[in-house]
Every structure is written in structure tokens, then in C-alpha cells.
Amino acid sequence: MNEEQEKLIGREFRHFKGNLYRLEGFAKDSETLEEMVVYRALYGEHGLWVRPAKMFFETIERDGKRMKRFELLEGPIAEKMQ
């Protein structure tokens, strides 16, 4: 894990559909060695999820607008919303 990744652990992100998540860590797929992001929902049952890092950090286009799939939030916003 590199220094940039370490700084993201524990940080909160907003998915482009509005839900909040906390980045828990990074892992590698055991078959492909692809870099994965492990993240936890900050709503409902607080499920733990995994997604390829390139997808987690990518920019997408919806309704003619370009946006990040997961936007890094500043400060403990999620704690205030619970």
C-alpha cells in the first residue's frame, strides 16, 4: 500500500447516487491481483463492499454530466447525518 492510499483509509465518500461510505482499506483480488477498495455503507445495515479501485475512483458520465463515482468528503459529515 502506498502513502496516498493510506491517507484515504477511514475517509468518507459520497456515491454519485447520494449514499455515504467509509473507505476501510485496500486489497488484491486473489485470482487477478487487481487492486480493490474495501468500503462500508454508512447507512442501513452498514454492509461491507469491495469494488475494483479503478472503478471506485473513476469519473463517470450521467445525464450529460461528468462526475466522480465516489466523491471524497471533507470532515466527518457522515457522523453528523446519522
C-alpha atoms as a PDB file:
ATOM      1  CA  MET A   1       0.000   0.000   0.000  1.00  0.00           C
ATOM      2  CA  ASN A   2       1.336   3.408  -0.870  1.00  0.00           C
ATOM      3  CA  GLU A   3       1.221   6.617   1.181  1.00  0.00           C
ATOM      4  CA  GLU A   4      -1.622   8.106  -0.889  1.00  0.00           C
ATOM      5  CA  GLN A   5      -3.784   5.039  -0.239  1.00  0.00           C
ATOM      6  CA  GLU A   6      -3.001   5.102   3.487  1.00  0.00           C
ATOM      7  CA  LYS A   7      -4.290   8.688   3.686  1.00  0.00           C
ATOM      8  CA  LEU A   8      -7.667   7.578   2.286  1.00  0.00           C
ATOM      9  CA  ILE A   9      -8.331   4.839   4.835  1.00  0.00           C
ATOM     10  CA  GLY A  10     -11.097   5.944   7.186  1.00  0.00           C
ATOM     11  CA  ARG A  11     -12.164   8.787   4.888  1.00  0.00           C
ATOM     12  CA  GLU A  12     -15.766   9.219   3.822  1.00  0.00           C
ATOM     13  CA  PHE A  13     -17.110   9.313   0.280  1.00  0.00           C
ATOM     14  CA  ARG A  14     -20.455  10.132  -1.289  1.00  0.00           C
ATOM     15  CA  HIS A  15     -21.570   7.852  -4.134  1.00  0.00           C
ATOM     16  CA  PHE A  16     -22.967   9.747  -7.108  1.00  0.00           C
ATOM     17  CA  LYS A  17     -26.438   8.416  -6.196  1.00  0.00           C
ATOM     18  CA  GLY A  18     -26.133  10.072  -2.761  1.00  0.00           C
ATOM     19  CA  ASN A  19     -25.308   7.363  -0.217  1.00  0.00           C
ATOM     20  CA  LEU A  20     -22.325   7.696   2.114  1.00  0.00           C
ATOM     21  CA  TYR A  21     -19.474   5.212   2.539  1.00  0.00           C
ATOM     22  CA  ARG A  22     -16.224   4.939   4.505  1.00  0.00           C
ATOM     23  CA  LEU A  23     -13.139   3.559   2.791  1.00  0.00           C
ATOM     24  CA  GLU A  24     -11.920   0.734   5.040  1.00  0.00           C
ATOM     25  CA  GLY A  25      -8.861  -0.416   3.138  1.00  0.00           C
ATOM     26  CA  PHE A  26      -7.314  -1.838   0.000  1.00  0.00           C
ATOM     27  CA  ALA A  27      -6.959  -5.475  -1.039  1.00  0.00           C
ATOM     28  CA  LYS A  28      -5.919  -7.525  -4.043  1.00  0.00           C
ATOM     29  CA  ASP A  29      -8.105  -9.977  -5.904  1.00  0.00           C
ATOM     30  CA  SER A  30      -6.623 -13.415  -5.230  1.00  0.00           C
ATOM     31  CA  GLU A  31      -7.039 -14.563  -8.833  1.00  0.00           C
ATOM     32  CA  THR A  32      -6.168 -11.469 -10.874  1.00  0.00           C
ATOM     33  CA  LEU A  33      -4.164  -9.413  -8.335  1.00  0.00           C
ATOM     34  CA  GLU A  34      -6.330  -6.431  -9.316  1.00  0.00           C
ATOM     35  CA  GLU A  35      -6.299  -3.625  -6.721  1.00  0.00           C
ATOM     36  CA  MET A  36      -9.620  -3.481  -4.850  1.00  0.00           C
ATOM     37  CA  VAL A  37     -11.198  -0.941  -2.495  1.00  0.00           C
ATOM     38  CA  VAL A  38     -12.952  -2.219   0.622  1.00  0.00           C
ATOM     39  CA  TYR A  39     -15.644   0.175   1.823  1.00  0.00           C
ATOM     40  CA  ARG A  40     -18.527   0.245   4.301  1.00  0.00           C
ATOM     41  CA  ALA A  41     -22.004   1.690   3.867  1.00  0.00           C
ATOM     42  CA  LEU A  42     -22.785   4.384   6.430  1.00  0.00           C
ATOM     43  CA  TYR A  43     -26.499   3.653   6.307  1.00  0.00           C
ATOM     44  CA  GLY A  44     -28.822   0.675   6.768  1.00  0.00           C
ATOM     45  CA  GLU A  45     -27.011  -2.481   7.846  1.00  0.00           C
ATOM     46  CA  HIS A  46     -23.575  -0.866   7.303  1.00  0.00           C
ATOM     47  CA  GLY A  47     -22.600  -3.603   4.850  1.00  0.00           C
ATOM     48  CA  LEU A  48     -19.017  -4.145   3.755  1.00  0.00           C
ATOM     49  CA  TRP A  49     -18.382  -3.920  -0.004  1.00  0.00           C
ATOM     50  CA  VAL A  50     -15.497  -4.369  -2.412  1.00  0.00           C
ATOM     51  CA  ARG A  51     -15.000  -2.844  -5.851  1.00  0.00           C
ATOM     52  CA  PRO A  52     -12.052  -2.542  -8.252  1.00  0.00           C
ATOM     53  CA  ALA A  53     -10.033   0.574  -7.361  1.00  0.00           C
ATOM     54  CA  LYS A  54     -10.073   1.806 -10.955  1.00  0.00           C
ATOM     55  CA  MET A  55     -13.884   1.737 -10.856  1.00  0.00           C
ATOM     56  CA  PHE A  56     -14.151   3.271  -7.365  1.00  0.00           C
ATOM     57  CA  PHE A  57     -12.027   6.282  -8.353  1.00  0.00           C
ATOM     58  CA  GLU A  58     -13.236   6.689 -11.938  1.00  0.00           C
ATOM     59  CA  THR A  59     -15.101   9.612 -13.452  1.00  0.00           C
ATOM     60  CA  ILE A  60     -18.442   8.656 -14.973  1.00  0.00           C
ATOM     61  CA  GLU A  61     -20.977  10.408 -17.177  1.00  0.00           C
ATOM     62  CA  ARG A  62     -24.675  10.541 -16.274  1.00  0.00           C
ATOM     63  CA  ASP A  63     -27.300  12.673 -17.980  1.00  0.00           C
ATOM     64  CA  GLY A  64     -24.574  14.544 -19.855  1.00  0.00           C
ATOM     65  CA  LYS A  65     -22.663  15.421 -16.665  1.00  0.00           C
ATOM     66  CA  ARG A  66     -19.226  14.122 -15.732  1.00  0.00           C
ATOM     67  CA  MET A  67     -18.721  13.291 -12.056  1.00  0.00           C
ATOM     68  CA  LYS A  68     -16.709  11.047  -9.802  1.00  0.00           C
ATOM     69  CA  ARG A  69     -18.374   7.740  -8.956  1.00  0.00           C
ATOM     70  CA  PHE A  70     -17.314   8.316  -5.301  1.00  0.00           C
ATOM     71  CA  GLU A  71     -16.523  11.865  -4.183  1.00  0.00           C
ATOM     72  CA  LEU A  72     -14.179  12.325  -1.234  1.00  0.00           C
ATOM     73  CA  LEU A  73     -15.864  14.325   1.549  1.00  0.00           C
ATOM     74  CA  GLU A  74     -14.075  16.753   3.828  1.00  0.00           C
ATOM     75  CA  GLY A  75     -14.663  16.294   7.556  1.00  0.00           C
ATOM     76  CA  PRO A  76     -16.819  13.798   9.466  1.00  0.00           C
ATOM     77  CA  ILE A  77     -20.001  14.619   7.543  1.00  0.00           C
ATOM     78  CA  ALA A  78     -21.406  11.111   7.770  1.00  0.00           C
ATOM     79  CA  GLU A  79     -21.301  11.121  11.589  1.00  0.00           C
ATOM     80  CA  LYS A  80     -23.444  14.262  11.631  1.00  0.00           C
ATOM     81  CA  MET A  81     -26.009  12.668   9.314  1.00  0.00           C
ATOM     82  CA  GLN A  82     -26.600   9.508  11.390  1.00  0.00           C
END
